[in-house]
């Protein structure tokens, strides 16, 4: 690390130099790196570029995998919603099986409410 010296001349002008100036009042200046905003230490300058590049490529690959998984989950959800919308929109009576194993028909108001919910949920679908 280089050394810096602060010197004030006879006129009161401050000078900075890498060596002490003759006839000036001054002293050695302690130079420290500015800490980062996060407070974390800075990385040493001799980091291995190949390792940094490998880490960057790994992060890119991980990000691509995460995006692909999210896209696949969205597509599966949308397919499910499309099937439910088709079932609700078919015009045929909608029936469910209750806890006793008996068929119970769903009222039209309930069907319309669920159809509206499905349409709202499909807004995010491609």
N, C-alpha and C. Protein backbone atom coordinates (compact mmCIF):
# COMPACT_ATOMS: atom_id res chain seq x y z
N UNK A 1 0.84 -1.18 0.00
CA UNK A 1 0.00 0.00 0.00
C UNK A 1 0.89 1.25 0.00
N UNK A 2 0.52 2.23 -0.77
CA UNK A 2 1.29 3.47 -0.84
C UNK A 2 1.05 4.30 0.41
N UNK A 3 2.02 5.14 0.72
CA UNK A 3 1.91 6.02 1.88
C UNK A 3 1.60 7.42 1.38
N UNK A 4 0.76 8.14 2.12
CA UNK A 4 0.40 9.51 1.75
C UNK A 4 0.80 10.44 2.90
N UNK A 5 1.20 11.65 2.51
CA UNK A 5 1.59 12.66 3.49
C UNK A 5 0.78 13.93 3.23
N UNK A 6 0.34 14.55 4.32
CA UNK A 6 -0.39 15.81 4.25
C UNK A 6 0.57 16.91 4.70
N UNK A 7 0.62 17.97 3.91
CA UNK A 7 1.55 19.04 4.20
C UNK A 7 0.85 20.38 4.04
N UNK A 8 1.02 21.26 5.00
CA UNK A 8 0.47 22.61 4.93
C UNK A 8 1.64 23.57 4.75
N UNK A 9 1.65 24.33 3.65
CA UNK A 9 2.77 25.23 3.39
C UNK A 9 2.61 26.54 4.16
N UNK A 10 3.54 27.47 3.94
CA UNK A 10 3.56 28.74 4.66
C UNK A 10 2.36 29.61 4.38
N UNK A 11 1.67 29.42 3.24
CA UNK A 11 0.49 30.21 2.89
C UNK A 11 -0.79 29.56 3.41
N UNK A 12 -0.68 28.40 4.03
CA UNK A 12 -1.86 27.72 4.56
C UNK A 12 -2.53 26.77 3.58
N UNK A 13 -1.89 26.52 2.45
CA UNK A 13 -2.45 25.63 1.43
C UNK A 13 -2.05 24.19 1.77
N UNK A 14 -3.03 23.32 1.70
CA UNK A 14 -2.77 21.91 2.02
C UNK A 14 -2.39 21.16 0.75
N UNK A 15 -1.33 20.36 0.86
CA UNK A 15 -0.86 19.53 -0.24
C UNK A 15 -0.81 18.09 0.23
N UNK A 16 -1.07 17.16 -0.71
CA UNK A 16 -0.94 15.74 -0.43
C UNK A 16 0.11 15.18 -1.37
N UNK A 17 1.00 14.37 -0.85
CA UNK A 17 2.05 13.79 -1.68
C UNK A 17 2.41 12.41 -1.14
N UNK A 18 3.17 11.66 -1.98
CA UNK A 18 3.55 10.32 -1.56
C UNK A 18 4.87 10.31 -0.79
N UNK A 19 5.46 11.50 -0.65
CA UNK A 19 6.67 11.62 0.18
C UNK A 19 6.59 12.94 0.95
N UNK A 20 7.22 13.01 2.12
CA UNK A 20 7.16 14.26 2.89
C UNK A 20 7.85 15.39 2.13
N UNK A 21 7.23 16.56 2.14
CA UNK A 21 7.79 17.72 1.44
C UNK A 21 8.67 18.50 2.41
N UNK A 22 9.83 18.93 1.96
CA UNK A 22 10.72 19.69 2.86
C UNK A 22 10.13 21.07 3.20
N UNK A 23 10.25 21.45 4.45
CA UNK A 23 9.80 22.77 4.88
C UNK A 23 8.30 22.87 5.12
N UNK A 24 7.58 21.76 5.10
CA UNK A 24 6.13 21.79 5.32
C UNK A 24 5.80 21.18 6.66
N UNK A 25 4.80 21.75 7.25
CA UNK A 25 4.29 21.15 8.48
C UNK A 25 3.25 20.12 8.07
N UNK A 26 3.37 18.93 8.53
CA UNK A 26 2.41 17.90 8.17
C UNK A 26 2.77 16.57 8.79
N UNK A 27 2.02 15.61 8.40
CA UNK A 27 2.25 14.28 8.96
C UNK A 27 1.77 13.22 7.96
N UNK A 28 2.06 11.99 8.30
CA UNK A 28 1.63 10.85 7.50
C UNK A 28 0.11 10.70 7.63
N UNK A 29 -0.55 10.40 6.52
CA UNK A 29 -2.01 10.24 6.51
C UNK A 29 -2.34 8.75 6.51
N UNK A 30 -3.22 8.36 7.42
CA UNK A 30 -3.65 6.95 7.49
C UNK A 30 -4.80 6.76 6.50
N UNK A 31 -4.54 6.00 5.45
CA UNK A 31 -5.54 5.78 4.40
C UNK A 31 -6.13 4.39 4.59
N UNK A 32 -7.43 4.35 4.72
CA UNK A 32 -8.15 3.07 4.87
C UNK A 32 -9.21 3.00 3.79
N UNK A 33 -9.53 1.79 3.33
CA UNK A 33 -10.59 1.67 2.33
C UNK A 33 -11.93 2.06 2.92
N UNK A 34 -12.79 2.60 2.10
CA UNK A 34 -14.13 2.98 2.54
C UNK A 34 -14.96 1.71 2.69
N UNK A 35 -15.61 1.52 3.85
CA UNK A 35 -16.41 0.31 4.01
C UNK A 35 -17.64 0.35 3.11
N UNK A 36 -18.11 -0.83 2.73
CA UNK A 36 -19.29 -0.91 1.87
C UNK A 36 -20.54 -0.51 2.65
N UNK A 37 -21.59 -0.20 1.93
CA UNK A 37 -22.85 0.21 2.55
C UNK A 37 -23.41 -0.91 3.42
N UNK A 38 -23.25 -2.14 2.96
CA UNK A 38 -23.80 -3.28 3.70
C UNK A 38 -23.01 -3.56 4.96
N UNK A 39 -21.80 -3.02 5.05
CA UNK A 39 -20.98 -3.27 6.22
C UNK A 39 -20.11 -4.50 6.06
N UNK A 40 -20.32 -5.26 5.01
CA UNK A 40 -19.51 -6.45 4.78
C UNK A 40 -18.14 -6.04 4.29
N UNK A 41 -17.16 -6.85 4.59
CA UNK A 41 -15.80 -6.57 4.15
C UNK A 41 -15.68 -6.67 2.65
N UNK A 42 -14.68 -6.01 2.13
CA UNK A 42 -14.46 -6.08 0.70
C UNK A 42 -13.68 -7.33 0.36
N UNK A 43 -13.84 -7.80 -0.85
CA UNK A 43 -13.15 -9.01 -1.29
C UNK A 43 -11.71 -8.65 -1.61
N UNK A 44 -10.81 -9.55 -1.37
CA UNK A 44 -9.42 -9.29 -1.75
C UNK A 44 -9.30 -9.17 -3.27
N UNK A 45 -8.34 -8.41 -3.72
CA UNK A 45 -8.18 -8.15 -5.14
C UNK A 45 -7.63 -9.35 -5.91
N UNK A 46 -7.05 -10.30 -5.22
CA UNK A 46 -6.42 -11.42 -5.91
C UNK A 46 -7.35 -12.62 -6.04
N UNK A 47 -8.67 -12.37 -6.05
CA UNK A 47 -9.61 -13.48 -6.24
C UNK A 47 -9.35 -14.16 -7.58
N UNK A 48 -9.67 -15.40 -7.61
CA UNK A 48 -9.47 -16.18 -8.83
C UNK A 48 -10.60 -15.90 -9.80
N UNK A 49 -10.27 -15.35 -10.98
CA UNK A 49 -11.29 -15.00 -11.96
C UNK A 49 -12.05 -16.23 -12.43
N UNK A 50 -11.36 -17.34 -12.61
CA UNK A 50 -12.02 -18.56 -13.07
C UNK A 50 -13.08 -19.01 -12.06
N UNK A 51 -12.78 -18.89 -10.78
CA UNK A 51 -13.75 -19.27 -9.75
C UNK A 51 -14.94 -18.33 -9.76
N UNK A 52 -14.69 -17.04 -9.93
CA UNK A 52 -15.79 -16.08 -10.01
C UNK A 52 -16.67 -16.37 -11.21
N UNK A 53 -16.06 -16.68 -12.34
CA UNK A 53 -16.82 -17.00 -13.55
C UNK A 53 -17.64 -18.27 -13.36
N UNK A 54 -17.06 -19.27 -12.74
CA UNK A 54 -17.77 -20.53 -12.48
C UNK A 54 -18.96 -20.29 -11.54
N UNK A 55 -18.75 -19.47 -10.52
CA UNK A 55 -19.85 -19.14 -9.60
C UNK A 55 -20.97 -18.40 -10.32
N UNK A 56 -20.60 -17.46 -11.18
CA UNK A 56 -21.59 -16.71 -11.95
C UNK A 56 -22.39 -17.64 -12.84
N UNK A 57 -21.72 -18.53 -13.55
CA UNK A 57 -22.42 -19.48 -14.43
C UNK A 57 -23.32 -20.42 -13.64
N UNK A 58 -22.88 -20.83 -12.46
CA UNK A 58 -23.71 -21.69 -11.61
C UNK A 58 -24.96 -20.95 -11.17
N UNK A 59 -24.81 -19.69 -10.78
CA UNK A 59 -25.99 -18.90 -10.38
C UNK A 59 -26.95 -18.73 -11.54
N UNK A 60 -26.40 -18.50 -12.75
CA UNK A 60 -27.26 -18.38 -13.93
C UNK A 60 -28.02 -19.68 -14.18
N UNK A 61 -27.32 -20.79 -14.06
CA UNK A 61 -27.94 -22.10 -14.29
C UNK A 61 -29.02 -22.36 -13.24
N UNK A 62 -28.72 -22.06 -11.98
CA UNK A 62 -29.72 -22.25 -10.91
C UNK A 62 -30.95 -21.39 -11.16
N UNK A 63 -30.72 -20.16 -11.61
CA UNK A 63 -31.83 -19.25 -11.90
C UNK A 63 -32.69 -19.79 -13.05
N UNK A 64 -32.03 -20.32 -14.08
CA UNK A 64 -32.76 -20.88 -15.22
C UNK A 64 -33.59 -22.08 -14.80
N UNK A 65 -33.04 -22.93 -13.94
CA UNK A 65 -33.78 -24.10 -13.45
C UNK A 65 -34.98 -23.66 -12.63
N UNK A 66 -34.80 -22.67 -11.77
CA UNK A 66 -35.90 -22.17 -10.94
C UNK A 66 -36.99 -21.58 -11.80
N UNK A 67 -36.61 -20.81 -12.83
CA UNK A 67 -37.61 -20.24 -13.73
C UNK A 67 -38.36 -21.33 -14.49
N UNK A 68 -37.65 -22.36 -14.94
CA UNK A 68 -38.30 -23.45 -15.67
C UNK A 68 -39.29 -24.19 -14.77
N UNK A 69 -38.92 -24.40 -13.52
CA UNK A 69 -39.83 -25.06 -12.58
C UNK A 69 -41.07 -24.21 -12.33
N UNK A 70 -40.88 -22.91 -12.17
CA UNK A 70 -42.02 -22.01 -11.94
C UNK A 70 -42.93 -21.98 -13.17
N UNK A 71 -42.33 -21.95 -14.35
CA UNK A 71 -43.12 -21.95 -15.59
C UNK A 71 -43.91 -23.25 -15.74
N UNK A 72 -43.29 -24.39 -15.41
CA UNK A 72 -43.97 -25.69 -15.49
C UNK A 72 -45.12 -25.75 -14.48
N UNK A 73 -44.91 -25.22 -13.27
CA UNK A 73 -45.97 -25.22 -12.27
C UNK A 73 -47.15 -24.34 -12.72
N UNK A 74 -46.84 -23.19 -13.32
CA UNK A 74 -47.89 -22.30 -13.81
C UNK A 74 -48.68 -22.97 -14.93
N UNK A 75 -47.98 -23.62 -15.84
CA UNK A 75 -48.67 -24.31 -16.94
C UNK A 75 -49.57 -25.42 -16.43
N UNK A 76 -49.10 -26.19 -15.44
CA UNK A 76 -49.92 -27.26 -14.86
C UNK A 76 -51.15 -26.67 -14.18
N UNK A 77 -50.96 -25.58 -13.44
CA UNK A 77 -52.09 -24.93 -12.76
C UNK A 77 -53.10 -24.41 -13.78
N UNK A 78 -52.61 -23.83 -14.86
CA UNK A 78 -53.50 -23.30 -15.89
C UNK A 78 -54.28 -24.41 -16.59
N UNK A 79 -53.61 -25.54 -16.87
CA UNK A 79 -54.31 -26.68 -17.47
C UNK A 79 -55.43 -27.16 -16.56
N UNK A 80 -55.14 -27.24 -15.27
CA UNK A 80 -56.15 -27.67 -14.30
C UNK A 80 -57.34 -26.71 -14.28
N UNK A 81 -57.04 -25.41 -14.28
CA UNK A 81 -58.10 -24.40 -14.29
C UNK A 81 -58.92 -24.46 -15.58
N UNK A 82 -58.25 -24.70 -16.70
CA UNK A 82 -58.97 -24.80 -17.98
C UNK A 82 -59.92 -25.99 -17.98
N UNK A 83 -59.48 -27.11 -17.42
CA UNK A 83 -60.35 -28.28 -17.34
C UNK A 83 -61.56 -28.01 -16.44
N UNK A 84 -61.29 -27.35 -15.30
CA UNK A 84 -62.40 -27.03 -14.39
C UNK A 84 -63.36 -26.05 -15.02
N UNK A 85 -62.85 -25.06 -15.74
CA UNK A 85 -63.72 -24.10 -16.43
C UNK A 85 -64.60 -24.82 -17.47
N UNK A 86 -63.99 -25.74 -18.21
CA UNK A 86 -64.76 -26.49 -19.21
C UNK A 86 -65.85 -27.32 -18.54
N UNK A 87 -65.53 -27.94 -17.42
CA UNK A 87 -66.51 -28.76 -16.70
C UNK A 87 -67.65 -27.89 -16.17
N UNK A 88 -67.30 -26.72 -15.61
CA UNK A 88 -68.32 -25.84 -15.05
C UNK A 88 -69.17 -25.18 -16.14
N UNK A 89 -68.58 -24.95 -17.32
CA UNK A 89 -69.28 -24.27 -18.41
C UNK A 89 -70.05 -25.21 -19.32
N UNK A 90 -69.98 -26.50 -19.08
CA UNK A 90 -70.57 -27.48 -20.00
C UNK A 90 -72.09 -27.40 -20.07
N UNK A 91 -72.74 -26.90 -19.04
CA UNK A 91 -74.19 -26.83 -19.02
C UNK A 91 -74.83 -28.10 -18.45
N UNK A 92 -74.04 -29.15 -18.25
CA UNK A 92 -74.57 -30.37 -17.64
C UNK A 92 -74.67 -30.18 -16.15
N UNK A 93 -75.58 -30.88 -15.48
CA UNK A 93 -75.69 -30.78 -14.02
C UNK A 93 -74.38 -31.22 -13.36
N UNK A 94 -73.98 -30.47 -12.37
CA UNK A 94 -72.75 -30.75 -11.65
C UNK A 94 -73.12 -31.47 -10.36
N UNK A 95 -72.54 -32.64 -10.14
CA UNK A 95 -72.86 -33.43 -8.96
C UNK A 95 -71.59 -33.77 -8.20
N UNK A 96 -71.69 -33.82 -6.88
CA UNK A 96 -70.60 -34.22 -6.00
C UNK A 96 -71.08 -35.39 -5.16
N UNK A 97 -70.14 -36.15 -4.62
CA UNK A 97 -70.49 -37.26 -3.74
C UNK A 97 -70.21 -36.81 -2.31
N UNK A 98 -71.22 -36.89 -1.44
CA UNK A 98 -71.06 -36.44 -0.06
C UNK A 98 -70.41 -37.52 0.80
N UNK A 99 -70.31 -37.27 2.11
CA UNK A 99 -69.64 -38.18 3.04
C UNK A 99 -70.34 -39.52 3.15
N UNK A 100 -71.64 -39.56 2.90
CA UNK A 100 -72.39 -40.81 2.97
C UNK A 100 -72.35 -41.57 1.65
N UNK A 101 -71.68 -41.04 0.67
CA UNK A 101 -71.58 -41.70 -0.62
C UNK A 101 -72.74 -41.40 -1.55
N UNK A 102 -73.57 -40.42 -1.21
CA UNK A 102 -74.72 -40.08 -2.04
C UNK A 102 -74.37 -38.93 -2.98
N UNK A 103 -74.98 -38.95 -4.14
CA UNK A 103 -74.77 -37.90 -5.13
C UNK A 103 -75.60 -36.69 -4.75
N UNK A 104 -74.94 -35.53 -4.72
CA UNK A 104 -75.59 -34.27 -4.39
C UNK A 104 -75.33 -33.31 -5.54
N UNK A 105 -76.39 -32.73 -6.09
CA UNK A 105 -76.24 -31.80 -7.20
C UNK A 105 -75.91 -30.41 -6.67
N UNK A 106 -75.01 -29.75 -7.36
CA UNK A 106 -74.55 -28.42 -6.96
C UNK A 106 -75.52 -27.40 -7.54
N UNK A 107 -76.01 -26.48 -6.71
CA UNK A 107 -76.92 -25.43 -7.20
C UNK A 107 -76.22 -24.53 -8.23
N UNK A 108 -77.01 -23.97 -9.13
CA UNK A 108 -76.46 -23.11 -10.19
C UNK A 108 -75.72 -21.90 -9.63
N UNK A 109 -76.19 -21.35 -8.50
CA UNK A 109 -75.52 -20.17 -7.91
C UNK A 109 -74.10 -20.54 -7.47
N UNK A 110 -73.94 -21.71 -6.88
CA UNK A 110 -72.61 -22.15 -6.42
C UNK A 110 -71.71 -22.38 -7.63
N UNK A 111 -72.27 -23.00 -8.68
CA UNK A 111 -71.51 -23.24 -9.90
C UNK A 111 -71.05 -21.91 -10.50
N UNK A 112 -71.93 -20.92 -10.56
CA UNK A 112 -71.58 -19.62 -11.14
C UNK A 112 -70.50 -18.92 -10.31
N UNK A 113 -70.59 -19.04 -8.98
CA UNK A 113 -69.57 -18.44 -8.12
C UNK A 113 -68.20 -19.07 -8.37
N UNK A 114 -68.19 -20.40 -8.44
CA UNK A 114 -66.92 -21.10 -8.68
C UNK A 114 -66.38 -20.78 -10.07
N UNK A 115 -67.25 -20.68 -11.05
CA UNK A 115 -66.83 -20.35 -12.41
C UNK A 115 -66.19 -18.95 -12.43
N UNK A 116 -66.76 -18.01 -11.70
CA UNK A 116 -66.18 -16.66 -11.61
C UNK A 116 -64.80 -16.71 -10.93
N UNK A 117 -64.66 -17.55 -9.88
CA UNK A 117 -63.37 -17.69 -9.21
C UNK A 117 -62.32 -18.28 -10.15
N UNK A 118 -62.73 -19.28 -10.93
CA UNK A 118 -61.81 -19.91 -11.87
C UNK A 118 -61.37 -18.92 -12.94
N UNK A 119 -62.30 -18.14 -13.45
CA UNK A 119 -61.95 -17.13 -14.46
C UNK A 119 -60.98 -16.09 -13.89
N UNK A 120 -61.20 -15.67 -12.64
CA UNK A 120 -60.27 -14.73 -12.00
C UNK A 120 -58.88 -15.35 -11.87
N UNK A 121 -58.84 -16.61 -11.47
CA UNK A 121 -57.54 -17.29 -11.29
C UNK A 121 -56.83 -17.47 -12.62
N UNK A 122 -57.57 -17.55 -13.71
CA UNK A 122 -56.96 -17.77 -15.03
C UNK A 122 -56.38 -16.50 -15.63
N UNK A 123 -56.56 -15.36 -15.01
CA UNK A 123 -56.00 -14.11 -15.54
C UNK A 123 -54.50 -14.16 -15.64
N UNK A 124 -53.86 -14.90 -14.74
CA UNK A 124 -52.39 -15.01 -14.77
C UNK A 124 -51.88 -16.07 -15.73
N UNK A 125 -52.78 -16.73 -16.42
CA UNK A 125 -52.37 -17.81 -17.33
C UNK A 125 -51.99 -17.25 -18.70
N UNK A 126 -51.00 -17.91 -19.33
CA UNK A 126 -50.61 -17.45 -20.67
C UNK A 126 -51.65 -17.81 -21.72
